[in-house]
Amino acid sequence: MKLTTVLVASTLCCGPAFGQSIGANLAGVVTDETGARLQDTAVTITHVLNGRALIVNTGREGEYRAVALWPGEYVVAAARSGFSTVADASHCRSVPTPR
């Protein structure tokens, strides 16, 4: 079977940082080829320039979220036993939000 990552709205939901902090948020959903959401799937989020990686697991509804990431380009890979690994690229940026 094949994994697919459904990357939610606006460049993987790279949301704005609040206040004066620097950071970006990334969120999405992991599904199989039939559209079924997959829980307990390892999602590796790797910063392209510095190689730092963060691993998160999907929740009950196949959702994942990473917060306070450095702005930049990331590769997002989902891996689960019995499935092919899938990877996508994303660009996260930080946008200051007035209080």
C-alpha atoms as a PDB file:
ATOM      1  CA  MET A   1       0.000   0.000   0.000  1.00  0.00           C
ATOM      2  CA  LYS A   2       1.041   3.565  -0.505  1.00  0.00           C
ATOM      3  CA  LEU A   3       0.984   6.422   2.015  1.00  0.00           C
ATOM      4  CA  THR A   4      -0.083   9.873   0.973  1.00  0.00           C
ATOM      5  CA  THR A   5       0.255  13.047   2.942  1.00  0.00           C
ATOM      6  CA  VAL A   6      -2.536  15.536   2.697  1.00  0.00           C
ATOM      7  CA  LEU A   7      -0.880  18.817   3.438  1.00  0.00           C
ATOM      8  CA  VAL A   8      -3.410  21.151   4.895  1.00  0.00           C
ATOM      9  CA  ALA A   9      -3.929  24.628   3.387  1.00  0.00           C
ATOM     10  CA  SER A  10      -1.455  27.413   2.822  1.00  0.00           C
ATOM     11  CA  THR A  11       1.836  25.643   2.264  1.00  0.00           C
ATOM     12  CA  LEU A  12       1.404  22.938   4.854  1.00  0.00           C
ATOM     13  CA  CYS A  13      -0.209  25.259   7.333  1.00  0.00           C
ATOM     14  CA  CYS A  14       2.987  27.121   7.959  1.00  0.00           C
ATOM     15  CA  GLY A  15       1.250  29.543  10.198  1.00  0.00           C
ATOM     16  CA  PRO A  16       2.330  32.875  11.541  1.00  0.00           C
ATOM     17  CA  ALA A  17       4.258  33.272  14.723  1.00  0.00           C
ATOM     18  CA  PHE A  18       2.603  35.263  17.460  1.00  0.00           C
ATOM     19  CA  GLY A  19       4.073  38.390  19.010  1.00  0.00           C
ATOM     20  CA  GLN A  20       7.724  38.955  18.284  1.00  0.00           C
ATOM     21  CA  SER A  21       8.824  35.316  18.352  1.00  0.00           C
ATOM     22  CA  ILE A  22      10.381  33.629  15.344  1.00  0.00           C
ATOM     23  CA  GLY A  23       8.898  30.378  14.197  1.00  0.00           C
ATOM     24  CA  ALA A  24       6.544  28.594  11.885  1.00  0.00           C
ATOM     25  CA  ASN A  25       3.969  25.865  12.353  1.00  0.00           C
ATOM     26  CA  LEU A  26       3.473  22.900  10.075  1.00  0.00           C
ATOM     27  CA  ALA A  27       0.442  20.597  10.105  1.00  0.00           C
ATOM     28  CA  GLY A  28      -1.108  17.961   7.894  1.00  0.00           C
ATOM     29  CA  VAL A  29      -2.886  14.626   7.648  1.00  0.00           C
ATOM     30  CA  VAL A  30      -1.499  11.252   6.565  1.00  0.00           C
ATOM     31  CA  THR A  31      -3.802   8.988   4.554  1.00  0.00           C
ATOM     32  CA  ASP A  32      -3.485   5.813   2.537  1.00  0.00           C
ATOM     33  CA  GLU A  33      -4.319   5.574  -1.159  1.00  0.00           C
ATOM     34  CA  THR A  34      -8.029   5.071  -0.380  1.00  0.00           C
ATOM     35  CA  GLY A  35      -8.168   8.238   1.719  1.00  0.00           C
ATOM     36  CA  ALA A  36      -8.321   6.466   5.085  1.00  0.00           C
ATOM     37  CA  ARG A  37      -6.534   8.468   7.770  1.00  0.00           C
ATOM     38  CA  LEU A  38      -3.635   6.661   9.441  1.00  0.00           C
ATOM     39  CA  GLN A  39      -2.847   7.026  13.133  1.00  0.00           C
ATOM     40  CA  ASP A  40       0.542   6.220  14.709  1.00  0.00           C
ATOM     41  CA  THR A  41       2.478   7.021  11.536  1.00  0.00           C
ATOM     42  CA  ALA A  42       5.975   8.500  11.946  1.00  0.00           C
ATOM     43  CA  VAL A  43       6.328  11.886  10.228  1.00  0.00           C
ATOM     44  CA  THR A  44       9.882  13.203   9.878  1.00  0.00           C
ATOM     45  CA  ILE A  45      10.220  16.950   9.243  1.00  0.00           C
ATOM     46  CA  THR A  46      13.758  17.846   8.092  1.00  0.00           C
ATOM     47  CA  HIS A  47      15.113  21.383   7.562  1.00  0.00           C
ATOM     48  CA  VAL A  48      16.799  21.354   4.145  1.00  0.00           C
ATOM     49  CA  LEU A  49      19.701  23.707   4.961  1.00  0.00           C
ATOM     50  CA  ASN A  50      20.754  22.569   8.429  1.00  0.00           C
ATOM     51  CA  GLY A  51      19.577  18.938   8.317  1.00  0.00           C
ATOM     52  CA  ARG A  52      17.852  19.100  11.696  1.00  0.00           C
ATOM     53  CA  ALA A  53      14.994  16.645  11.899  1.00  0.00           C
ATOM     54  CA  LEU A  54      11.936  16.432  14.104  1.00  0.00           C
ATOM     55  CA  ILE A  55       9.890  13.246  14.293  1.00  0.00           C
ATOM     56  CA  VAL A  56       6.226  13.397  15.302  1.00  0.00           C
ATOM     57  CA  ASN A  57       3.561  10.687  15.228  1.00  0.00           C
ATOM     58  CA  THR A  58       0.114  11.118  13.770  1.00  0.00           C
ATOM     59  CA  GLY A  59      -2.860  11.247  16.109  1.00  0.00           C
ATOM     60  CA  ARG A  60      -6.128   9.318  16.052  1.00  0.00           C
ATOM     61  CA  GLU A  61      -7.339  11.064  12.904  1.00  0.00           C
ATOM     62  CA  GLY A  62      -4.006  10.839  11.070  1.00  0.00           C
ATOM     63  CA  GLU A  63      -3.143  14.450  11.909  1.00  0.00           C
ATOM     64  CA  TYR A  64       0.296  15.780  12.769  1.00  0.00           C
ATOM     65  CA  ARG A  65       1.570  19.167  13.888  1.00  0.00           C
ATOM     66  CA  ALA A  66       4.981  20.710  14.505  1.00  0.00           C
ATOM     67  CA  VAL A  67       5.291  24.143  16.109  1.00  0.00           C
ATOM     68  CA  ALA A  68       8.036  26.731  16.527  1.00  0.00           C
ATOM     69  CA  LEU A  69      10.043  25.576  13.507  1.00  0.00           C
ATOM     70  CA  TRP A  70      12.755  27.775  12.051  1.00  0.00           C
ATOM     71  CA  PRO A  71      11.544  29.380   8.843  1.00  0.00           C
ATOM     72  CA  GLY A  72      12.905  27.685   5.726  1.00  0.00           C
ATOM     73  CA  GLU A  73      12.466  24.751   3.411  1.00  0.00           C
ATOM     74  CA  TYR A  74      11.546  21.374   4.857  1.00  0.00           C
ATOM     75  CA  VAL A  75      11.145  17.846   3.591  1.00  0.00           C
ATOM     76  CA  VAL A  76       8.225  16.038   5.215  1.00  0.00           C
ATOM     77  CA  ALA A  77       8.322  12.229   5.069  1.00  0.00           C
ATOM     78  CA  ALA A  78       5.704   9.803   6.380  1.00  0.00           C
ATOM     79  CA  ALA A  79       6.668   6.201   7.139  1.00  0.00           C
ATOM     80  CA  ARG A  80       4.613   3.295   8.414  1.00  0.00           C
ATOM     81  CA  SER A  81       5.222  -0.458   8.412  1.00  0.00           C
ATOM     82  CA  GLY A  82       3.571  -2.141   5.432  1.00  0.00           C
ATOM     83  CA  PHE A  83       3.453   1.076   3.377  1.00  0.00           C
ATOM     84  CA  SER A  84       5.802   2.843   0.976  1.00  0.00           C
ATOM     85  CA  THR A  85       7.417   5.960   2.438  1.00  0.00           C
ATOM     86  CA  VAL A  86       6.319   9.241   0.884  1.00  0.00           C
ATOM     87  CA  ALA A  87       8.065  12.630   1.072  1.00  0.00           C
ATOM     88  CA  ASP A  88       7.006  16.163   0.111  1.00  0.00           C
ATOM     89  CA  ALA A  89       8.766  19.520   0.184  1.00  0.00           C
ATOM     90  CA  SER A  90       7.444  22.589   1.987  1.00  0.00           C
ATOM     91  CA  HIS A  91       8.467  26.178   2.578  1.00  0.00           C
ATOM     92  CA  CYS A  92       7.705  27.673   5.979  1.00  0.00           C
ATOM     93  CA  ARG A  93       7.950  31.327   6.759  1.00  0.00           C
ATOM     94  CA  SER A  94       7.386  33.397   9.831  1.00  0.00           C
ATOM     95  CA  VAL A  95       5.020  36.365   9.728  1.00  0.00           C
ATOM     96  CA  PRO A  96       4.957  38.764  12.698  1.00  0.00           C
ATOM     97  CA  THR A  97       1.478  39.198  14.101  1.00  0.00           C
ATOM     98  CA  PRO A  98       0.616  42.399  15.963  1.00  0.00           C
ATOM     99  CA  ARG A  99      -0.759  41.962  19.443  1.00  0.00           C
END
